[in-house]
Protein backbone atom coordinates (compact mmCIF):
# COMPACT_ATOMS: atom_id res chain seq x y z
CA UNK A 1 0.00 0.00 0.00
CA UNK A 2 1.34 3.43 -0.94
CA UNK A 3 2.13 5.91 1.79
CA UNK A 4 0.00 9.03 2.03
CA UNK A 5 1.67 12.34 1.36
CA UNK A 6 1.93 14.59 4.42
CA UNK A 7 -0.16 17.73 4.25
CA UNK A 8 1.56 20.85 5.56
CA UNK A 9 0.37 22.05 8.94
CA UNK A 10 -0.25 25.79 8.99
CA UNK A 11 0.56 27.49 12.26
CA UNK A 12 -1.41 30.72 12.72
CA UNK A 13 0.38 33.89 13.82
CA UNK A 14 -0.41 34.92 17.39
CA UNK A 15 -0.32 38.48 18.72
CA UNK A 16 2.98 37.60 20.42
CA UNK A 17 4.43 36.39 17.09
CA UNK A 18 3.48 39.66 15.40
CA UNK A 19 4.97 41.69 18.25
CA UNK A 20 8.23 39.71 17.99
CA UNK A 21 8.29 40.17 14.21
CA UNK A 22 7.92 43.95 14.63
CA UNK A 23 10.79 44.00 17.15
CA UNK A 24 13.04 42.08 14.77
CA UNK A 25 12.06 44.41 11.95
CA UNK A 26 13.10 47.44 13.98
CA UNK A 27 16.36 45.75 15.06
CA UNK A 28 17.09 44.72 11.43
CA UNK A 29 17.76 41.12 12.41
CA UNK A 30 18.66 38.82 9.48
CA UNK A 31 15.64 36.82 8.28
CA UNK A 32 17.43 33.47 8.59
CA UNK A 33 18.03 34.12 12.29
CA UNK A 34 14.36 35.07 12.84
CA UNK A 35 13.30 31.97 10.92
CA UNK A 36 15.24 29.63 13.21
CA UNK A 37 14.02 31.38 16.36
CA UNK A 38 10.34 31.41 15.39
CA UNK A 39 10.46 27.99 13.66
CA UNK A 40 8.89 29.35 10.48
CA UNK A 41 10.10 29.48 6.90
CA UNK A 42 11.77 32.59 5.49
CA UNK A 43 9.02 32.89 2.88
CA UNK A 44 6.30 32.78 5.53
CA UNK A 45 7.98 35.54 7.54
CA UNK A 46 8.51 37.73 4.49
CA UNK A 47 4.87 37.38 3.40
CA UNK A 48 3.54 38.19 6.86
CA UNK A 49 5.87 41.20 7.16
CA UNK A 50 4.71 42.47 3.76
CA UNK A 51 1.04 42.17 4.79
CA UNK A 52 1.82 44.13 7.96
CA UNK A 53 3.76 46.74 6.00
CA UNK A 54 7.08 45.94 7.68
CA UNK A 55 10.55 45.75 6.18
CA UNK A 56 12.40 42.59 7.07
CA UNK A 57 16.07 41.71 7.17
CA UNK A 58 19.26 43.70 7.48
CA UNK A 59 19.35 44.68 3.80
CA UNK A 60 16.23 46.52 2.68
PDB file of N, CA and C in Angstrom:
ATOM      1  N   UNK A   1       0.837  -1.176   0.000  1.00  0.00           N
ATOM      2  CA  UNK A   1       0.000   0.000   0.000  1.00  0.00           C
ATOM      3  C   UNK A   1       0.886   1.246   0.000  1.00  0.00           C
ATOM      4  N   UNK A   2       0.549   2.200  -0.818  1.00  0.00           N
ATOM      5  CA  UNK A   2       1.336   3.432  -0.936  1.00  0.00           C
ATOM      6  C   UNK A   2       1.134   4.323   0.287  1.00  0.00           C
ATOM      7  N   UNK A   3       2.214   5.006   0.653  1.00  0.00           N
ATOM      8  CA  UNK A   3       2.132   5.913   1.795  1.00  0.00           C
ATOM      9  C   UNK A   3       1.441   7.205   1.382  1.00  0.00           C
ATOM     10  N   UNK A   4       0.675   7.758   2.302  1.00  0.00           N
ATOM     11  CA  UNK A   4       0.004   9.027   2.026  1.00  0.00           C
ATOM     12  C   UNK A   4       1.005  10.169   2.150  1.00  0.00           C
ATOM     13  N   UNK A   5       0.812  11.165   1.329  1.00  0.00           N
ATOM     14  CA  UNK A   5       1.666  12.338   1.360  1.00  0.00           C
ATOM     15  C   UNK A   5       1.247  13.218   2.541  1.00  0.00           C
ATOM     16  N   UNK A   6       2.239  13.735   3.292  1.00  0.00           N
ATOM     17  CA  UNK A   6       1.928  14.592   4.423  1.00  0.00           C
ATOM     18  C   UNK A   6       1.409  15.939   3.944  1.00  0.00           C
ATOM     19  N   UNK A   7       0.356  16.399   4.579  1.00  0.00           N
ATOM     20  CA  UNK A   7      -0.155  17.730   4.254  1.00  0.00           C
ATOM     21  C   UNK A   7       0.508  18.718   5.202  1.00  0.00           C
ATOM     22  N   UNK A   8       0.895  19.882   4.696  1.00  0.00           N
ATOM     23  CA  UNK A   8       1.558  20.849   5.563  1.00  0.00           C
ATOM     24  C   UNK A   8       0.608  21.381   6.641  1.00  0.00           C
ATOM     25  N   UNK A   9       1.155  21.540   7.835  1.00  0.00           N
ATOM     26  CA  UNK A   9       0.366  22.053   8.938  1.00  0.00           C
ATOM     27  C   UNK A   9       0.637  23.550   9.031  1.00  0.00           C
ATOM     28  N   UNK A  10      -0.406  24.344   8.943  1.00  0.00           N
ATOM     29  CA  UNK A  10      -0.251  25.791   8.988  1.00  0.00           C
ATOM     30  C   UNK A  10      -0.416  26.266  10.430  1.00  0.00           C
ATOM     31  N   UNK A  11       0.585  26.987  10.890  1.00  0.00           N
ATOM     32  CA  UNK A  11       0.564  27.492  12.256  1.00  0.00           C
ATOM     33  C   UNK A  11       0.160  28.965  12.214  1.00  0.00           C
ATOM     34  N   UNK A  12      -0.970  29.316  12.785  1.00  0.00           N
ATOM     35  CA  UNK A  12      -1.411  30.723  12.723  1.00  0.00           C
ATOM     36  C   UNK A  12      -0.490  31.636  13.526  1.00  0.00           C
ATOM     37  N   UNK A  13      -0.419  32.896  13.114  1.00  0.00           N
ATOM     38  CA  UNK A  13       0.383  33.890  13.820  1.00  0.00           C
ATOM     39  C   UNK A  13      -0.409  34.400  15.018  1.00  0.00           C
ATOM     40  N   UNK A  14       0.215  34.381  16.187  1.00  0.00           N
ATOM     41  CA  UNK A  14      -0.413  34.918  17.388  1.00  0.00           C
ATOM     42  C   UNK A  14      -0.022  36.383  17.523  1.00  0.00           C
ATOM     43  N   UNK A  15      -0.664  37.072  18.456  1.00  0.00           N
ATOM     44  CA  UNK A  15      -0.324  38.476  18.716  1.00  0.00           C
ATOM     45  C   UNK A  15       1.126  38.591  19.183  1.00  0.00           C
ATOM     46  N   UNK A  16       1.589  37.603  19.943  1.00  0.00           N
ATOM     47  CA  UNK A  16       2.979  37.604  20.424  1.00  0.00           C
ATOM     48  C   UNK A  16       3.955  37.428  19.258  1.00  0.00           C
ATOM     49  N   UNK A  17       3.586  36.587  18.283  1.00  0.00           N
ATOM     50  CA  UNK A  17       4.429  36.390  17.094  1.00  0.00           C
ATOM     51  C   UNK A  17       4.568  37.684  16.305  1.00  0.00           C
ATOM     52  N   UNK A  18       3.471  38.406  16.157  1.00  0.00           N
ATOM     53  CA  UNK A  18       3.484  39.657  15.397  1.00  0.00           C
ATOM     54  C   UNK A  18       4.317  40.705  16.125  1.00  0.00           C
ATOM     55  N   UNK A  19       4.191  40.751  17.452  1.00  0.00           N
ATOM     56  CA  UNK A  19       4.975  41.694  18.252  1.00  0.00           C
ATOM     57  C   UNK A  19       6.470  41.402  18.100  1.00  0.00           C
ATOM     58  N   UNK A  20       6.836  40.118  18.139  1.00  0.00           N
ATOM     59  CA  UNK A  20       8.228  39.713  17.990  1.00  0.00           C
ATOM     60  C   UNK A  20       8.742  40.052  16.590  1.00  0.00           C
ATOM     61  N   UNK A  21       7.912  39.859  15.588  1.00  0.00           N
ATOM     62  CA  UNK A  21       8.288  40.170  14.211  1.00  0.00           C
ATOM     63  C   UNK A  21       8.547  41.670  14.048  1.00  0.00           C
ATOM     64  N   UNK A  22       7.727  42.493  14.685  1.00  0.00           N
ATOM     65  CA  UNK A  22       7.919  43.947  14.634  1.00  0.00           C
ATOM     66  C   UNK A  22       9.220  44.358  15.326  1.00  0.00           C
ATOM     67  N   UNK A  23       9.544  43.705  16.443  1.00  0.00           N
ATOM     68  CA  UNK A  23      10.787  44.001  17.149  1.00  0.00           C
ATOM     69  C   UNK A  23      11.994  43.651  16.294  1.00  0.00           C
ATOM     70  N   UNK A  24      11.939  42.502  15.635  1.00  0.00           N
ATOM     71  CA  UNK A  24      13.042  42.079  14.767  1.00  0.00           C
ATOM     72  C   UNK A  24      13.169  43.004  13.563  1.00  0.00           C
ATOM     73  N   UNK A  25      12.052  43.498  13.074  1.00  0.00           N
ATOM     74  CA  UNK A  25      12.064  44.412  11.946  1.00  0.00           C
ATOM     75  C   UNK A  25      12.789  45.697  12.325  1.00  0.00           C
ATOM     76  N   UNK A  26      12.475  46.205  13.508  1.00  0.00           N
ATOM     77  CA  UNK A  26      13.098  47.442  13.981  1.00  0.00           C
ATOM     78  C   UNK A  26      14.589  47.245  14.243  1.00  0.00           C
ATOM     79  N   UNK A  27      14.962  46.056  14.743  1.00  0.00           N
ATOM     80  CA  UNK A  27      16.363  45.752  15.060  1.00  0.00           C
ATOM     81  C   UNK A  27      17.167  45.338  13.819  1.00  0.00           C
ATOM     82  N   UNK A  28      16.472  45.164  12.699  1.00  0.00           N
ATOM     83  CA  UNK A  28      17.091  44.724  11.433  1.00  0.00           C
ATOM     84  C   UNK A  28      17.838  43.388  11.572  1.00  0.00           C
ATOM     85  N   UNK A  29      17.213  42.459  12.245  1.00  0.00           N
ATOM     86  CA  UNK A  29      17.760  41.117  12.414  1.00  0.00           C
ATOM     87  C   UNK A  29      17.676  40.362  11.087  1.00  0.00           C
ATOM     88  N   UNK A  30      18.724  39.603  10.714  1.00  0.00           N
ATOM     89  CA  UNK A  30      18.656  38.816   9.477  1.00  0.00           C
ATOM     90  C   UNK A  30      17.489  37.815   9.504  1.00  0.00           C
ATOM     91  N   UNK A  31      16.847  37.649   8.374  1.00  0.00           N
ATOM     92  CA  UNK A  31      15.639  36.821   8.283  1.00  0.00           C
ATOM     93  C   UNK A  31      15.919  35.364   8.652  1.00  0.00           C
ATOM     94  N   UNK A  32      17.084  34.863   8.283  1.00  0.00           N
ATOM     95  CA  UNK A  32      17.425  33.470   8.589  1.00  0.00           C
ATOM     96  C   UNK A  32      17.452  33.238  10.099  1.00  0.00           C
ATOM     97  N   UNK A  33      17.952  34.214  10.828  1.00  0.00           N
ATOM     98  CA  UNK A  33      18.025  34.118  12.285  1.00  0.00           C
ATOM     99  C   UNK A  33      16.613  34.126  12.892  1.00  0.00           C
ATOM    100  N   UNK A  34      15.752  34.993  12.370  1.00  0.00           N
ATOM    101  CA  UNK A  34      14.363  35.067  12.843  1.00  0.00           C
ATOM    102  C   UNK A  34      13.660  33.750  12.551  1.00  0.00           C
ATOM    103  N   UNK A  35      13.923  33.212  11.370  1.00  0.00           N
ATOM    104  CA  UNK A  35      13.298  31.969  10.924  1.00  0.00           C
ATOM    105  C   UNK A  35      13.601  30.818  11.888  1.00  0.00           C
ATOM    106  N   UNK A  36      14.851  30.710  12.291  1.00  0.00           N
ATOM    107  CA  UNK A  36      15.238  29.630  13.207  1.00  0.00           C
ATOM    108  C   UNK A  36      14.612  29.829  14.580  1.00  0.00           C
ATOM    109  N   UNK A  37      14.565  31.082  15.041  1.00  0.00           N
ATOM    110  CA  UNK A  37      14.022  31.375  16.358  1.00  0.00           C
ATOM    111  C   UNK A  37      12.517  31.113  16.425  1.00  0.00           C
ATOM    112  N   UNK A  38      11.796  31.546  15.385  1.00  0.00           N
ATOM    113  CA  UNK A  38      10.340  31.406  15.386  1.00  0.00           C
ATOM    114  C   UNK A  38       9.856  30.080  14.812  1.00  0.00           C
ATOM    115  N   UNK A  39      10.774  29.289  14.280  1.00  0.00           N
ATOM    116  CA  UNK A  39      10.457  27.993  13.661  1.00  0.00           C
ATOM    117  C   UNK A  39       9.426  28.145  12.545  1.00  0.00           C
ATOM    118  N   UNK A  40       9.711  29.105  11.661  1.00  0.00           N
ATOM    119  CA  UNK A  40       8.892  29.347  10.477  1.00  0.00           C
ATOM    120  C   UNK A  40       9.816  29.517   9.288  1.00  0.00           C
ATOM    121  N   UNK A  41       9.279  29.343   8.094  1.00  0.00           N
ATOM    122  CA  UNK A  41      10.103  29.485   6.899  1.00  0.00           C
ATOM    123  C   UNK A  41      10.353  30.964   6.613  1.00  0.00           C
ATOM    124  N   UNK A  42      11.422  31.218   5.875  1.00  0.00           N
ATOM    125  CA  UNK A  42      11.773  32.586   5.493  1.00  0.00           C
ATOM    126  C   UNK A  42      10.652  33.192   4.658  1.00  0.00           C
ATOM    127  N   UNK A  43      10.101  32.414   3.735  1.00  0.00           N
ATOM    128  CA  UNK A  43       9.017  32.892   2.876  1.00  0.00           C
ATOM    129  C   UNK A  43       7.785  33.288   3.673  1.00  0.00           C
ATOM    130  N   UNK A  44       7.456  32.490   4.680  1.00  0.00           N
ATOM    131  CA  UNK A  44       6.302  32.779   5.529  1.00  0.00           C
ATOM    132  C   UNK A  44       6.500  34.099   6.267  1.00  0.00           C
ATOM    133  N   UNK A  45       7.694  34.303   6.813  1.00  0.00           N
ATOM    134  CA  UNK A  45       7.985  35.536   7.543  1.00  0.00           C
ATOM    135  C   UNK A  45       7.942  36.751   6.630  1.00  0.00           C
ATOM    136  N   UNK A  46       8.495  36.610   5.438  1.00  0.00           N
ATOM    137  CA  UNK A  46       8.508  37.732   4.491  1.00  0.00           C
ATOM    138  C   UNK A  46       7.090  38.112   4.062  1.00  0.00           C
ATOM    139  N   UNK A  47       6.250  37.105   3.815  1.00  0.00           N
ATOM    140  CA  UNK A  47       4.873  37.376   3.402  1.00  0.00           C
ATOM    141  C   UNK A  47       4.087  38.063   4.504  1.00  0.00           C
ATOM    142  N   UNK A  48       4.257  37.591   5.741  1.00  0.00           N
ATOM    143  CA  UNK A  48       3.537  38.195   6.865  1.00  0.00           C
ATOM    144  C   UNK A  48       4.007  39.626   7.090  1.00  0.00           C
ATOM    145  N   UNK A  49       5.309  39.851   6.984  1.00  0.00           N
ATOM    146  CA  UNK A  49       5.865  41.196   7.160  1.00  0.00           C
ATOM    147  C   UNK A  49       5.332  42.140   6.078  1.00  0.00           C
ATOM    148  N   UNK A  50       5.216  41.643   4.860  1.00  0.00           N
ATOM    149  CA  UNK A  50       4.710  42.471   3.763  1.00  0.00           C
ATOM    150  C   UNK A  50       3.245  42.841   4.010  1.00  0.00           C
ATOM    151  N   UNK A  51       2.446  41.888   4.497  1.00  0.00           N
ATOM    152  CA  UNK A  51       1.042  42.168   4.793  1.00  0.00           C
ATOM    153  C   UNK A  51       0.896  43.197   5.910  1.00  0.00           C
ATOM    154  N   UNK A  52       1.852  43.184   6.857  1.00  0.00           N
ATOM    155  CA  UNK A  52       1.822  44.133   7.961  1.00  0.00           C
ATOM    156  C   UNK A  52       2.474  45.468   7.603  1.00  0.00           C
ATOM    157  N   UNK A  53       3.102  45.515   6.435  1.00  0.00           N
ATOM    158  CA  UNK A  53       3.765  46.739   5.997  1.00  0.00           C
ATOM    159  C   UNK A  53       5.110  46.953   6.663  1.00  0.00           C
ATOM    160  N   UNK A  54       5.779  45.864   7.037  1.00  0.00           N
ATOM    161  CA  UNK A  54       7.085  45.944   7.680  1.00  0.00           C
ATOM    162  C   UNK A  54       8.197  45.573   6.714  1.00  0.00           C
ATOM    163  N   UNK A  55       9.364  46.182   6.917  1.00  0.00           N
ATOM    164  CA  UNK A  55      10.546  45.751   6.185  1.00  0.00           C
ATOM    165  C   UNK A  55      11.180  44.641   7.000  1.00  0.00           C
ATOM    166  N   UNK A  56      11.810  43.701   6.339  1.00  0.00           N
ATOM    167  CA  UNK A  56      12.395  42.588   7.071  1.00  0.00           C
ATOM    168  C   UNK A  56      13.805  42.325   6.589  1.00  0.00           C
ATOM    169  N   UNK A  57      14.698  42.032   7.507  1.00  0.00           N
ATOM    170  CA  UNK A  57      16.074  41.709   7.168  1.00  0.00           C
ATOM    171  C   UNK A  57      16.989  42.903   7.320  1.00  0.00           C
ATOM    172  N   UNK A  58      18.283  42.637   7.278  1.00  0.00           N
ATOM    173  CA  UNK A  58      19.258  43.700   7.477  1.00  0.00           C
ATOM    174  C   UNK A  58      19.506  44.509   6.214  1.00  0.00           C
ATOM    175  N   UNK A  59      19.187  43.948   5.050  1.00  0.00           N
ATOM    176  CA  UNK A  59      19.348  44.683   3.796  1.00  0.00           C
ATOM    177  C   UNK A  59      17.960  44.940   3.218  1.00  0.00           C
ATOM    178  N   UNK A  60      17.549  46.219   3.244  1.00  0.00           N
ATOM    179  CA  UNK A  60      16.228  46.517   2.682  1.00  0.00           C
ATOM    180  C   UNK A  60      16.311  47.731   1.798  1.00  0.00           C
TER     181      UNK A  60
END
